[in-house]
Amino acid sequence: MTRPLHARACRYTVKRFLAHLHAIWHWMEYSRPPPVPYIIAHSAHHDIELPPHMDIAPGFEAAARAAWQTRPDIQFRAWVQ
């Protein structure tokens, strides 16, 4: 029973890592935040988890909050370290 649970945890961790990597990489490459995540733009989901260590990309947090605030119910969660 532990194997499926571990596999699920690994998939979740990889998904979060890739989402955060994409956001910071897009900022470093194009000097603008990536588009609003699809699940936020086209469904009832409303929580956005900001990437950790945003100090390596100065200005990213403010730009992302401004660009991704497409609906009044969107809430931003900081990465818990």
N, C-alpha and C. Protein backbone atom coordinates (compact mmCIF):
# COMPACT_ATOMS: atom_id res chain seq x y z
N MET A 1 0.82 -1.21 0.00
CA MET A 1 0.00 0.00 0.00
C MET A 1 0.86 1.26 0.00
N THR A 2 2.07 1.15 0.46
CA THR A 2 2.92 2.34 0.52
C THR A 2 3.38 2.78 -0.86
N ARG A 3 3.55 1.85 -1.77
CA ARG A 3 4.05 2.20 -3.09
C ARG A 3 3.13 3.16 -3.84
N PRO A 4 1.81 2.89 -3.92
CA PRO A 4 0.94 3.85 -4.61
C PRO A 4 0.94 5.23 -3.94
N LEU A 5 0.99 5.25 -2.64
CA LEU A 5 1.02 6.52 -1.92
C LEU A 5 2.30 7.28 -2.23
N HIS A 6 3.41 6.58 -2.23
CA HIS A 6 4.69 7.22 -2.56
C HIS A 6 4.69 7.72 -4.00
N ALA A 7 4.16 6.93 -4.92
CA ALA A 7 4.09 7.34 -6.33
C ALA A 7 3.22 8.59 -6.48
N ARG A 8 2.12 8.65 -5.76
CA ARG A 8 1.25 9.82 -5.83
C ARG A 8 1.98 11.06 -5.30
N ALA A 9 2.70 10.89 -4.20
CA ALA A 9 3.47 12.02 -3.64
C ALA A 9 4.55 12.48 -4.61
N CYS A 10 5.19 11.54 -5.28
CA CYS A 10 6.23 11.90 -6.26
C CYS A 10 5.63 12.68 -7.43
N ARG A 11 4.48 12.23 -7.93
CA ARG A 11 3.83 12.93 -9.05
C ARG A 11 3.44 14.34 -8.65
N TYR A 12 2.90 14.50 -7.46
CA TYR A 12 2.51 15.82 -6.98
C TYR A 12 3.73 16.74 -6.86
N THR A 13 4.80 16.23 -6.31
CA THR A 13 6.02 17.01 -6.13
C THR A 13 6.60 17.44 -7.47
N VAL A 14 6.65 16.54 -8.41
CA VAL A 14 7.18 16.86 -9.74
C VAL A 14 6.29 17.90 -10.43
N LYS A 15 4.98 17.75 -10.30
CA LYS A 15 4.05 18.70 -10.90
C LYS A 15 4.27 20.12 -10.35
N ARG A 16 4.39 20.23 -9.04
CA ARG A 16 4.61 21.55 -8.43
C ARG A 16 5.96 22.12 -8.86
N PHE A 17 7.00 21.27 -8.86
CA PHE A 17 8.33 21.74 -9.26
C PHE A 17 8.31 22.27 -10.69
N LEU A 18 7.70 21.53 -11.61
CA LEU A 18 7.67 21.97 -13.01
C LEU A 18 6.85 23.24 -13.19
N ALA A 19 5.76 23.38 -12.46
CA ALA A 19 4.95 24.60 -12.55
C ALA A 19 5.74 25.81 -12.06
N HIS A 20 6.46 25.66 -10.95
CA HIS A 20 7.24 26.77 -10.42
C HIS A 20 8.45 27.06 -11.32
N LEU A 21 9.09 26.02 -11.82
CA LEU A 21 10.22 26.21 -12.75
C LEU A 21 9.76 26.97 -13.98
N HIS A 22 8.62 26.58 -14.54
CA HIS A 22 8.11 27.26 -15.74
C HIS A 22 7.83 28.73 -15.47
N ALA A 23 7.23 29.04 -14.33
CA ALA A 23 6.90 30.43 -14.01
C ALA A 23 8.15 31.29 -13.91
N ILE A 24 9.15 30.83 -13.18
CA ILE A 24 10.39 31.61 -13.02
C ILE A 24 11.17 31.66 -14.32
N TRP A 25 11.24 30.55 -15.03
CA TRP A 25 11.97 30.51 -16.29
C TRP A 25 11.34 31.46 -17.31
N HIS A 26 10.03 31.48 -17.39
CA HIS A 26 9.34 32.38 -18.31
C HIS A 26 9.66 33.83 -17.96
N TRP A 27 9.68 34.14 -16.67
CA TRP A 27 10.00 35.49 -16.22
C TRP A 27 11.43 35.87 -16.62
N MET A 28 12.37 34.96 -16.40
CA MET A 28 13.78 35.24 -16.72
C MET A 28 13.99 35.40 -18.22
N GLU A 29 13.23 34.65 -19.01
CA GLU A 29 13.40 34.66 -20.46
C GLU A 29 12.71 35.86 -21.12
N TYR A 30 11.47 36.17 -20.70
CA TYR A 30 10.66 37.18 -21.39
C TYR A 30 10.36 38.43 -20.57
N SER A 31 10.82 38.49 -19.33
CA SER A 31 10.59 39.63 -18.44
C SER A 31 9.11 39.93 -18.23
N ARG A 32 8.30 38.90 -18.25
CA ARG A 32 6.88 39.01 -17.94
C ARG A 32 6.42 37.68 -17.38
N PRO A 33 5.41 37.70 -16.54
CA PRO A 33 4.94 36.42 -15.97
C PRO A 33 4.27 35.58 -17.05
N PRO A 34 4.23 34.27 -16.86
CA PRO A 34 3.54 33.42 -17.82
C PRO A 34 2.04 33.68 -17.80
N PRO A 35 1.31 33.17 -18.79
CA PRO A 35 -0.14 33.37 -18.79
C PRO A 35 -0.78 32.76 -17.54
N VAL A 36 -1.99 33.18 -17.28
CA VAL A 36 -2.75 32.63 -16.15
C VAL A 36 -2.85 31.12 -16.34
N PRO A 37 -2.60 30.34 -15.29
CA PRO A 37 -2.74 28.89 -15.43
C PRO A 37 -4.13 28.51 -15.95
N TYR A 38 -4.17 27.53 -16.84
CA TYR A 38 -5.43 27.13 -17.48
C TYR A 38 -6.50 26.78 -16.47
N ILE A 39 -6.14 26.04 -15.46
CA ILE A 39 -7.12 25.59 -14.47
C ILE A 39 -7.74 26.77 -13.72
N ILE A 40 -7.00 27.85 -13.58
CA ILE A 40 -7.52 29.05 -12.91
C ILE A 40 -8.42 29.84 -13.87
N ALA A 41 -7.99 29.93 -15.12
CA ALA A 41 -8.73 30.73 -16.10
C ALA A 41 -10.06 30.10 -16.52
N HIS A 42 -10.14 28.77 -16.55
CA HIS A 42 -11.31 28.12 -17.13
C HIS A 42 -12.10 27.23 -16.18
N SER A 43 -11.95 27.41 -14.89
CA SER A 43 -12.73 26.61 -13.96
C SER A 43 -12.98 27.41 -12.68
N ALA A 44 -13.52 26.73 -11.70
CA ALA A 44 -13.85 27.39 -10.44
C ALA A 44 -12.68 27.42 -9.46
N HIS A 45 -11.54 26.87 -9.83
CA HIS A 45 -10.38 26.92 -8.94
C HIS A 45 -9.96 28.38 -8.73
N HIS A 46 -9.45 28.68 -7.54
CA HIS A 46 -9.11 30.07 -7.27
C HIS A 46 -7.84 30.25 -6.44
N ASP A 47 -7.10 29.20 -6.14
CA ASP A 47 -5.86 29.33 -5.37
C ASP A 47 -4.65 29.20 -6.29
N ILE A 48 -3.75 30.16 -6.22
CA ILE A 48 -2.50 30.12 -6.97
C ILE A 48 -1.36 30.05 -5.97
N GLU A 49 -0.52 29.05 -6.11
CA GLU A 49 0.63 28.90 -5.24
C GLU A 49 1.84 29.54 -5.91
N LEU A 50 2.37 30.57 -5.30
CA LEU A 50 3.53 31.25 -5.87
C LEU A 50 4.79 30.42 -5.64
N PRO A 51 5.75 30.50 -6.56
CA PRO A 51 6.98 29.70 -6.43
C PRO A 51 7.82 30.13 -5.22
N PRO A 52 8.62 29.22 -4.70
CA PRO A 52 9.52 29.59 -3.60
C PRO A 52 10.73 30.34 -4.14
N HIS A 53 11.45 30.98 -3.29
CA HIS A 53 12.71 31.67 -3.63
C HIS A 53 12.53 32.66 -4.77
N MET A 54 11.51 33.48 -4.68
CA MET A 54 11.26 34.45 -5.74
C MET A 54 12.28 35.58 -5.74
N ASP A 55 13.17 35.60 -4.77
CA ASP A 55 14.20 36.64 -4.72
C ASP A 55 15.20 36.49 -5.87
N ILE A 56 15.25 35.33 -6.51
CA ILE A 56 16.18 35.18 -7.65
C ILE A 56 15.62 35.83 -8.91
N ALA A 57 14.33 36.19 -8.88
CA ALA A 57 13.69 36.86 -10.01
C ALA A 57 13.05 38.15 -9.51
N PRO A 58 13.84 39.21 -9.35
CA PRO A 58 13.30 40.46 -8.80
C PRO A 58 12.12 40.98 -9.63
N GLY A 59 11.07 41.36 -8.95
CA GLY A 59 9.89 41.91 -9.60
C GLY A 59 8.87 40.87 -10.03
N PHE A 60 9.20 39.59 -9.93
CA PHE A 60 8.29 38.55 -10.41
C PHE A 60 7.00 38.51 -9.61
N GLU A 61 7.10 38.56 -8.30
CA GLU A 61 5.91 38.41 -7.46
C GLU A 61 4.89 39.51 -7.74
N ALA A 62 5.33 40.74 -7.79
CA ALA A 62 4.40 41.85 -8.03
C ALA A 62 3.78 41.75 -9.43
N ALA A 63 4.60 41.41 -10.42
CA ALA A 63 4.09 41.29 -11.79
C ALA A 63 3.12 40.13 -11.92
N ALA A 64 3.43 39.01 -11.29
CA ALA A 64 2.54 37.84 -11.36
C ALA A 64 1.22 38.13 -10.68
N ARG A 65 1.27 38.75 -9.51
CA ARG A 65 0.02 39.07 -8.81
C ARG A 65 -0.85 40.00 -9.65
N ALA A 66 -0.24 40.98 -10.31
CA ALA A 66 -1.00 41.92 -11.14
C ALA A 66 -1.56 41.24 -12.39
N ALA A 67 -0.77 40.40 -13.04
CA ALA A 67 -1.20 39.76 -14.28
C ALA A 67 -2.22 38.65 -14.03
N TRP A 68 -2.08 37.92 -12.93
CA TRP A 68 -2.95 36.78 -12.67
C TRP A 68 -4.21 37.13 -11.91
N GLN A 69 -4.38 38.38 -11.52
CA GLN A 69 -5.58 38.78 -10.79
C GLN A 69 -6.70 39.03 -11.80
N THR A 70 -7.16 37.97 -12.45
CA THR A 70 -8.18 38.09 -13.48
C THR A 70 -9.59 38.02 -12.92
N ARG A 71 -9.73 37.46 -11.71
CA ARG A 71 -11.04 37.37 -11.06
C ARG A 71 -10.88 37.85 -9.62
N PRO A 72 -11.94 38.41 -9.05
CA PRO A 72 -11.82 38.92 -7.67
C PRO A 72 -11.66 37.83 -6.62
N ASP A 73 -11.99 36.58 -6.93
CA ASP A 73 -11.91 35.52 -5.92
C ASP A 73 -10.57 34.80 -5.90
N ILE A 74 -9.62 35.19 -6.75
CA ILE A 74 -8.32 34.52 -6.78
C ILE A 74 -7.53 34.86 -5.52
N GLN A 75 -6.98 33.81 -4.89
CA GLN A 75 -6.18 34.00 -3.69
C GLN A 75 -4.77 33.45 -3.96
N PHE A 76 -3.77 34.19 -3.52
CA PHE A 76 -2.39 33.77 -3.70
C PHE A 76 -1.88 33.17 -2.40
N ARG A 77 -1.21 32.02 -2.51
CA ARG A 77 -0.62 31.37 -1.34
C ARG A 77 0.88 31.38 -1.52
N ALA A 78 1.57 31.75 -0.47
CA ALA A 78 3.03 31.74 -0.50
C ALA A 78 3.53 30.32 -0.23
N TRP A 79 4.65 30.01 -0.79
CA TRP A 79 5.28 28.71 -0.57
C TRP A 79 5.73 28.63 0.88
N VAL A 80 5.40 27.56 1.55
CA VAL A 80 5.78 27.38 2.94
C VAL A 80 7.14 26.70 2.96
N GLN A 81 8.12 27.35 3.57
CA GLN A 81 9.48 26.79 3.60
C GLN A 81 9.79 26.22 4.95
